[in-house]
Amino acid sequence: MPTIDTIDSIKIKIYSREYRPPHFHAEYNEYEVLIEIETCKIYAGSMLNKQFAEIIKYAKENQT
């Protein structure tokens, strides 16, 4: 899975041919969360609060 961006050690990854709904993966240490692109809500997984806030900020800034 290619890393498309890194935010303070959080890797943002996306598969082009993955299942629906459209989402991206965010990995930080042993945590991984899948975020729906359209709604910016957690699809699966878990993340620490501080890193989750950074991920959501990134998602909203890059939603288009």
PDB file of N, CA and C in Angstrom:
ATOM      1  N   MET A   1       0.858  -1.165   0.000  1.00  0.00           N
ATOM      2  CA  MET A   1       0.000   0.000   0.000  1.00  0.00           C
ATOM      3  C   MET A   1       0.900   1.222   0.000  1.00  0.00           C
ATOM      4  N   PRO A   2       0.744   2.113  -0.959  1.00  0.00           N
ATOM      5  CA  PRO A   2       1.615   3.293  -1.015  1.00  0.00           C
ATOM      6  C   PRO A   2       1.253   4.337   0.045  1.00  0.00           C
ATOM      7  N   THR A   3       2.276   4.908   0.639  1.00  0.00           N
ATOM      8  CA  THR A   3       2.082   6.023   1.568  1.00  0.00           C
ATOM      9  C   THR A   3       1.954   7.286   0.735  1.00  0.00           C
ATOM     10  N   ILE A   4       0.822   7.989   0.896  1.00  0.00           N
ATOM     11  CA  ILE A   4       0.613   9.213   0.116  1.00  0.00           C
ATOM     12  C   ILE A   4       1.032  10.463   0.867  1.00  0.00           C
ATOM     13  N   ASP A   5       1.131  10.349   2.201  1.00  0.00           N
ATOM     14  CA  ASP A   5       1.553  11.502   3.003  1.00  0.00           C
ATOM     15  C   ASP A   5       1.956  11.011   4.384  1.00  0.00           C
ATOM     16  N   THR A   6       2.707  11.840   5.096  1.00  0.00           N
ATOM     17  CA  THR A   6       3.086  11.562   6.479  1.00  0.00           C
ATOM     18  C   THR A   6       2.887  12.830   7.285  1.00  0.00           C
ATOM     19  N   ILE A   7       2.181  12.700   8.412  1.00  0.00           N
ATOM     20  CA  ILE A   7       1.922  13.837   9.296  1.00  0.00           C
ATOM     21  C   ILE A   7       2.440  13.461  10.678  1.00  0.00           C
ATOM     22  N   ASP A   8       3.499  14.108  11.141  1.00  0.00           N
ATOM     23  CA  ASP A   8       4.037  13.831  12.481  1.00  0.00           C
ATOM     24  C   ASP A   8       4.093  12.331  12.789  1.00  0.00           C
ATOM     25  N   SER A   9       4.720  11.562  11.949  1.00  0.00           N
ATOM     26  CA  SER A   9       4.902  10.113  12.080  1.00  0.00           C
ATOM     27  C   SER A   9       3.639   9.294  11.816  1.00  0.00           C
ATOM     28  N   ILE A  10       2.563   9.925  11.396  1.00  0.00           N
ATOM     29  CA  ILE A  10       1.341   9.209  11.022  1.00  0.00           C
ATOM     30  C   ILE A  10       1.397   8.993   9.517  1.00  0.00           C
ATOM     31  N   LYS A  11       1.348   7.744   9.104  1.00  0.00           N
ATOM     32  CA  LYS A  11       1.395   7.433   7.677  1.00  0.00           C
ATOM     33  C   LYS A  11      -0.026   7.380   7.125  1.00  0.00           C
ATOM     34  N   ILE A  12      -0.268   8.114   6.063  1.00  0.00           N
ATOM     35  CA  ILE A  12      -1.552   8.115   5.375  1.00  0.00           C
ATOM     36  C   ILE A  12      -1.382   7.258   4.128  1.00  0.00           C
ATOM     37  N   LYS A  13      -2.208   6.214   4.005  1.00  0.00           N
ATOM     38  CA  LYS A  13      -2.086   5.284   2.894  1.00  0.00           C
ATOM     39  C   LYS A  13      -3.441   5.083   2.224  1.00  0.00           C
ATOM     40  N   ILE A  14      -3.392   4.750   0.941  1.00  0.00           N
ATOM     41  CA  ILE A  14      -4.629   4.502   0.205  1.00  0.00           C
ATOM     42  C   ILE A  14      -4.374   3.442  -0.866  1.00  0.00           C
ATOM     43  N   TYR A  15      -5.346   2.563  -1.020  1.00  0.00           N
ATOM     44  CA  TYR A  15      -5.333   1.572  -2.101  1.00  0.00           C
ATOM     45  C   TYR A  15      -6.278   2.081  -3.181  1.00  0.00           C
ATOM     46  N   SER A  16      -5.880   1.991  -4.422  1.00  0.00           N
ATOM     47  CA  SER A  16      -6.751   2.470  -5.496  1.00  0.00           C
ATOM     48  C   SER A  16      -7.854   1.477  -5.833  1.00  0.00           C
ATOM     49  N   ARG A  17      -7.666   0.198  -5.537  1.00  0.00           N
ATOM     50  CA  ARG A  17      -8.671  -0.807  -5.902  1.00  0.00           C
ATOM     51  C   ARG A  17      -9.218  -1.531  -4.678  1.00  0.00           C
ATOM     52  N   GLU A  18      -9.488  -0.811  -3.644  1.00  0.00           N
ATOM     53  CA  GLU A  18      -9.980  -1.427  -2.426  1.00  0.00           C
ATOM     54  C   GLU A  18     -11.499  -1.319  -2.369  1.00  0.00           C
ATOM     55  N   TYR A  19     -12.094  -2.036  -1.450  1.00  0.00           N
ATOM     56  CA  TYR A  19     -13.534  -2.117  -1.273  1.00  0.00           C
ATOM     57  C   TYR A  19     -14.165  -0.785  -0.851  1.00  0.00           C
ATOM     58  N   ARG A  20     -15.465  -0.705  -0.945  1.00  0.00           N
ATOM     59  CA  ARG A  20     -16.222   0.490  -0.573  1.00  0.00           C
ATOM     60  C   ARG A  20     -16.539   0.455   0.912  1.00  0.00           C
ATOM     61  N   PRO A  21     -16.816   1.562   1.565  1.00  0.00           N
ATOM     62  CA  PRO A  21     -16.851   2.925   1.036  1.00  0.00           C
ATOM     63  C   PRO A  21     -15.440   3.458   0.799  1.00  0.00           C
ATOM     64  N   PRO A  22     -15.314   4.502  -0.047  1.00  0.00           N
ATOM     65  CA  PRO A  22     -13.990   5.092  -0.270  1.00  0.00           C
ATOM     66  C   PRO A  22     -13.392   5.554   1.062  1.00  0.00           C
ATOM     67  N   HIS A  23     -12.161   5.145   1.315  1.00  0.00           N
ATOM     68  CA  HIS A  23     -11.533   5.440   2.607  1.00  0.00           C
ATOM     69  C   HIS A  23     -10.018   5.466   2.452  1.00  0.00           C
ATOM     70  N   PHE A  24      -9.359   5.930   3.509  1.00  0.00           N
ATOM     71  CA  PHE A  24      -7.908   5.860   3.565  1.00  0.00           C
ATOM     72  C   PHE A  24      -7.505   5.254   4.898  1.00  0.00           C
ATOM     73  N   HIS A  25      -6.274   4.786   4.963  1.00  0.00           N
ATOM     74  CA  HIS A  25      -5.722   4.187   6.172  1.00  0.00           C
ATOM     75  C   HIS A  25      -4.760   5.189   6.812  1.00  0.00           C
ATOM     76  N   ALA A  26      -4.770   5.258   8.121  1.00  0.00           N
ATOM     77  CA  ALA A  26      -3.800   6.065   8.861  1.00  0.00           C
ATOM     78  C   ALA A  26      -3.146   5.143   9.886  1.00  0.00           C
ATOM     79  N   GLU A  27      -1.812   5.103   9.882  1.00  0.00           N
ATOM     80  CA  GLU A  27      -1.067   4.222  10.786  1.00  0.00           C
ATOM     81  C   GLU A  27      -0.132   5.044  11.666  1.00  0.00           C
ATOM     82  N   TYR A  28      -0.153   4.714  12.942  1.00  0.00           N
ATOM     83  CA  TYR A  28       0.743   5.353  13.911  1.00  0.00           C
ATOM     84  C   TYR A  28       1.122   4.296  14.931  1.00  0.00           C
ATOM     85  N   ASN A  29       2.400   3.926  14.956  1.00  0.00           N
ATOM     86  CA  ASN A  29       2.894   2.837  15.811  1.00  0.00           C
ATOM     87  C   ASN A  29       2.027   1.596  15.620  1.00  0.00           C
ATOM     88  N   GLU A  30       1.426   1.070  16.680  1.00  0.00           N
ATOM     89  CA  GLU A  30       0.623  -0.149  16.550  1.00  0.00           C
ATOM     90  C   GLU A  30      -0.845   0.137  16.231  1.00  0.00           C
ATOM     91  N   TYR A  31      -1.200   1.395  16.066  1.00  0.00           N
ATOM     92  CA  TYR A  31      -2.585   1.778  15.786  1.00  0.00           C
ATOM     93  C   TYR A  31      -2.819   1.947  14.287  1.00  0.00           C
ATOM     94  N   GLU A  32      -4.013   1.560  13.862  1.00  0.00           N
ATOM     95  CA  GLU A  32      -4.419   1.807  12.480  1.00  0.00           C
ATOM     96  C   GLU A  32      -5.905   2.119  12.474  1.00  0.00           C
ATOM     97  N   VAL A  33      -6.277   3.105  11.687  1.00  0.00           N
ATOM     98  CA  VAL A  33      -7.672   3.491  11.574  1.00  0.00           C
ATOM     99  C   VAL A  33      -7.995   3.692  10.095  1.00  0.00           C
ATOM    100  N   LEU A  34      -9.209   3.313   9.705  1.00  0.00           N
ATOM    101  CA  LEU A  34      -9.695   3.541   8.352  1.00  0.00           C
ATOM    102  C   LEU A  34     -10.731   4.656   8.443  1.00  0.00           C
ATOM    103  N   ILE A  35     -10.562   5.683   7.636  1.00  0.00           N
ATOM    104  CA  ILE A  35     -11.429   6.863   7.670  1.00  0.00           C
ATOM    105  C   ILE A  35     -12.170   6.980   6.346  1.00  0.00           C
ATOM    106  N   GLU A  36     -13.496   7.111   6.406  1.00  0.00           N
ATOM    107  CA  GLU A  36     -14.285   7.338   5.202  1.00  0.00           C
ATOM    108  C   GLU A  36     -13.957   8.725   4.664  1.00  0.00           C
ATOM    109  N   ILE A  37     -13.681   8.811   3.388  1.00  0.00           N
ATOM    110  CA  ILE A  37     -13.290  10.088   2.792  1.00  0.00           C
ATOM    111  C   ILE A  37     -14.445  11.080   2.794  1.00  0.00           C
ATOM    112  N   GLU A  38     -15.638  10.635   2.455  1.00  0.00           N
ATOM    113  CA  GLU A  38     -16.785  11.537   2.333  1.00  0.00           C
ATOM    114  C   GLU A  38     -17.242  12.123   3.666  1.00  0.00           C
ATOM    115  N   THR A  39     -17.249  11.303   4.723  1.00  0.00           N
ATOM    116  CA  THR A  39     -17.795  11.750   6.010  1.00  0.00           C
ATOM    117  C   THR A  39     -16.732  12.061   7.062  1.00  0.00           C
ATOM    118  N   CYS A  40     -15.497  11.639   6.834  1.00  0.00           N
ATOM    119  CA  CYS A  40     -14.395  11.783   7.799  1.00  0.00           C
ATOM    120  C   CYS A  40     -14.685  11.046   9.108  1.00  0.00           C
ATOM    121  N   LYS A  41     -15.441   9.957   9.038  1.00  0.00           N
ATOM    122  CA  LYS A  41     -15.748   9.148  10.215  1.00  0.00           C
ATOM    123  C   LYS A  41     -14.947   7.858  10.176  1.00  0.00           C
ATOM    124  N   ILE A  42     -14.747   7.285  11.363  1.00  0.00           N
ATOM    125  CA  ILE A  42     -14.021   6.022  11.470  1.00  0.00           C
ATOM    126  C   ILE A  42     -14.841   4.914  10.829  1.00  0.00           C
ATOM    127  N   TYR A  43     -14.196   4.199   9.933  1.00  0.00           N
ATOM    128  CA  TYR A  43     -14.798   3.042   9.281  1.00  0.00           C
ATOM    129  C   TYR A  43     -14.413   1.773  10.051  1.00  0.00           C
ATOM    130  N   ALA A  44     -13.177   1.721  10.515  1.00  0.00           N
ATOM    131  CA  ALA A  44     -12.695   0.575  11.297  1.00  0.00           C
ATOM    132  C   ALA A  44     -11.412   0.970  12.021  1.00  0.00           C
ATOM    133  N   GLY A  45     -11.092   0.252  13.080  1.00  0.00           N
ATOM    134  CA  GLY A  45      -9.843   0.467  13.786  1.00  0.00           C
ATOM    135  C   GLY A  45      -9.936   1.470  14.924  1.00  0.00           C
ATOM    136  N   SER A  46      -8.757   1.816  15.449  1.00  0.00           N
ATOM    137  CA  SER A  46      -8.695   2.775  16.552  1.00  0.00           C
ATOM    138  C   SER A  46      -7.399   3.576  16.464  1.00  0.00           C
ATOM    139  N   MET A  47      -7.410   4.728  17.132  1.00  0.00           N
ATOM    140  CA  MET A  47      -6.267   5.641  17.099  1.00  0.00           C
ATOM    141  C   MET A  47      -6.261   6.455  18.378  1.00  0.00           C
ATOM    142  N   LEU A  48      -5.089   6.863  18.807  1.00  0.00           N
ATOM    143  CA  LEU A  48      -4.969   7.759  19.952  1.00  0.00           C
ATOM    144  C   LEU A  48      -5.637   9.092  19.640  1.00  0.00           C
ATOM    145  N   ASN A  49      -6.190   9.749  20.665  1.00  0.00           N
ATOM    146  CA  ASN A  49      -6.959  10.985  20.467  1.00  0.00           C
ATOM    147  C   ASN A  49      -6.174  12.092  19.769  1.00  0.00           C
ATOM    148  N   LYS A  50      -4.944  12.346  20.210  1.00  0.00           N
ATOM    149  CA  LYS A  50      -4.146  13.426  19.627  1.00  0.00           C
ATOM    150  C   LYS A  50      -3.891  13.167  18.143  1.00  0.00           C
ATOM    151  N   GLN A  51      -3.497  11.958  17.809  1.00  0.00           N
ATOM    152  CA  GLN A  51      -3.221  11.619  16.419  1.00  0.00           C
ATOM    153  C   GLN A  51      -4.513  11.589  15.597  1.00  0.00           C
ATOM    154  N   PHE A  52      -5.601  11.130  16.200  1.00  0.00           N
ATOM    155  CA  PHE A  52      -6.876  11.113  15.497  1.00  0.00           C
ATOM    156  C   PHE A  52      -7.304  12.527  15.105  1.00  0.00           C
ATOM    157  N   ALA A  53      -7.110  13.484  16.001  1.00  0.00           N
ATOM    158  CA  ALA A  53      -7.452  14.876  15.694  1.00  0.00           C
ATOM    159  C   ALA A  53      -6.629  15.385  14.503  1.00  0.00           C
ATOM    160  N   GLU A  54      -5.363  15.029  14.450  1.00  0.00           N
ATOM    161  CA  GLU A  54      -4.510  15.435  13.324  1.00  0.00           C
ATOM    162  C   GLU A  54      -4.964  14.781  12.024  1.00  0.00           C
ATOM    163  N   ILE A  55      -5.373  13.522  12.103  1.00  0.00           N
ATOM    164  CA  ILE A  55      -5.852  12.807  10.916  1.00  0.00           C
ATOM    165  C   ILE A  55      -7.122  13.442  10.377  1.00  0.00           C
ATOM    166  N   ILE A  56      -8.051  13.758  11.252  1.00  0.00           N
ATOM    167  CA  ILE A  56      -9.313  14.368  10.819  1.00  0.00           C
ATOM    168  C   ILE A  56      -9.061  15.750  10.222  1.00  0.00           C
ATOM    169  N   LYS A  57      -8.180  16.516  10.816  1.00  0.00           N
ATOM    170  CA  LYS A  57      -7.829  17.827  10.259  1.00  0.00           C
ATOM    171  C   LYS A  57      -7.275  17.650   8.851  1.00  0.00           C
ATOM    172  N   TYR A  58      -6.361  16.705   8.675  1.00  0.00           N
ATOM    173  CA  TYR A  58      -5.781  16.422   7.366  1.00  0.00           C
ATOM    174  C   TYR A  58      -6.880  16.000   6.376  1.00  0.00           C
ATOM    175  N   ALA A  59      -7.764  15.122   6.817  1.00  0.00           N
ATOM    176  CA  ALA A  59      -8.831  14.610   5.945  1.00  0.00           C
ATOM    177  C   ALA A  59      -9.740  15.742   5.458  1.00  0.00           C
ATOM    178  N   LYS A  60     -10.116  16.624   6.353  1.00  0.00           N
ATOM    179  CA  LYS A  60     -11.009  17.729   5.965  1.00  0.00           C
ATOM    180  C   LYS A  60     -10.311  18.709   5.044  1.00  0.00           C
ATOM    181  N   GLU A  61      -9.023  18.959   5.260  1.00  0.00           N
ATOM    182  CA  GLU A  61      -8.267  19.876   4.393  1.00  0.00           C
ATOM    183  C   GLU A  61      -8.035  19.296   3.000  1.00  0.00           C
ATOM    184  N   ASN A  62      -8.045  17.981   2.880  1.00  0.00           N
ATOM    185  CA  ASN A  62      -7.728  17.313   1.613  1.00  0.00           C
ATOM    186  C   ASN A  62      -8.897  16.502   1.055  1.00  0.00           C
ATOM    187  N   GLN A  63     -10.088  16.800   1.496  1.00  0.00           N
ATOM    188  CA  GLN A  63     -11.257  16.002   1.137  1.00  0.00           C
ATOM    189  C   GLN A  63     -11.564  16.016  -0.356  1.00  0.00           C
ATOM    190  N   THR A  64     -11.322  17.122  -1.026  1.00  0.00           N
ATOM    191  CA  THR A  64     -11.645  17.180  -2.448  1.00  0.00           C
ATOM    192  C   THR A  64     -10.708  16.319  -3.242  1.00  0.00           C
TER     193      THR A  64
END
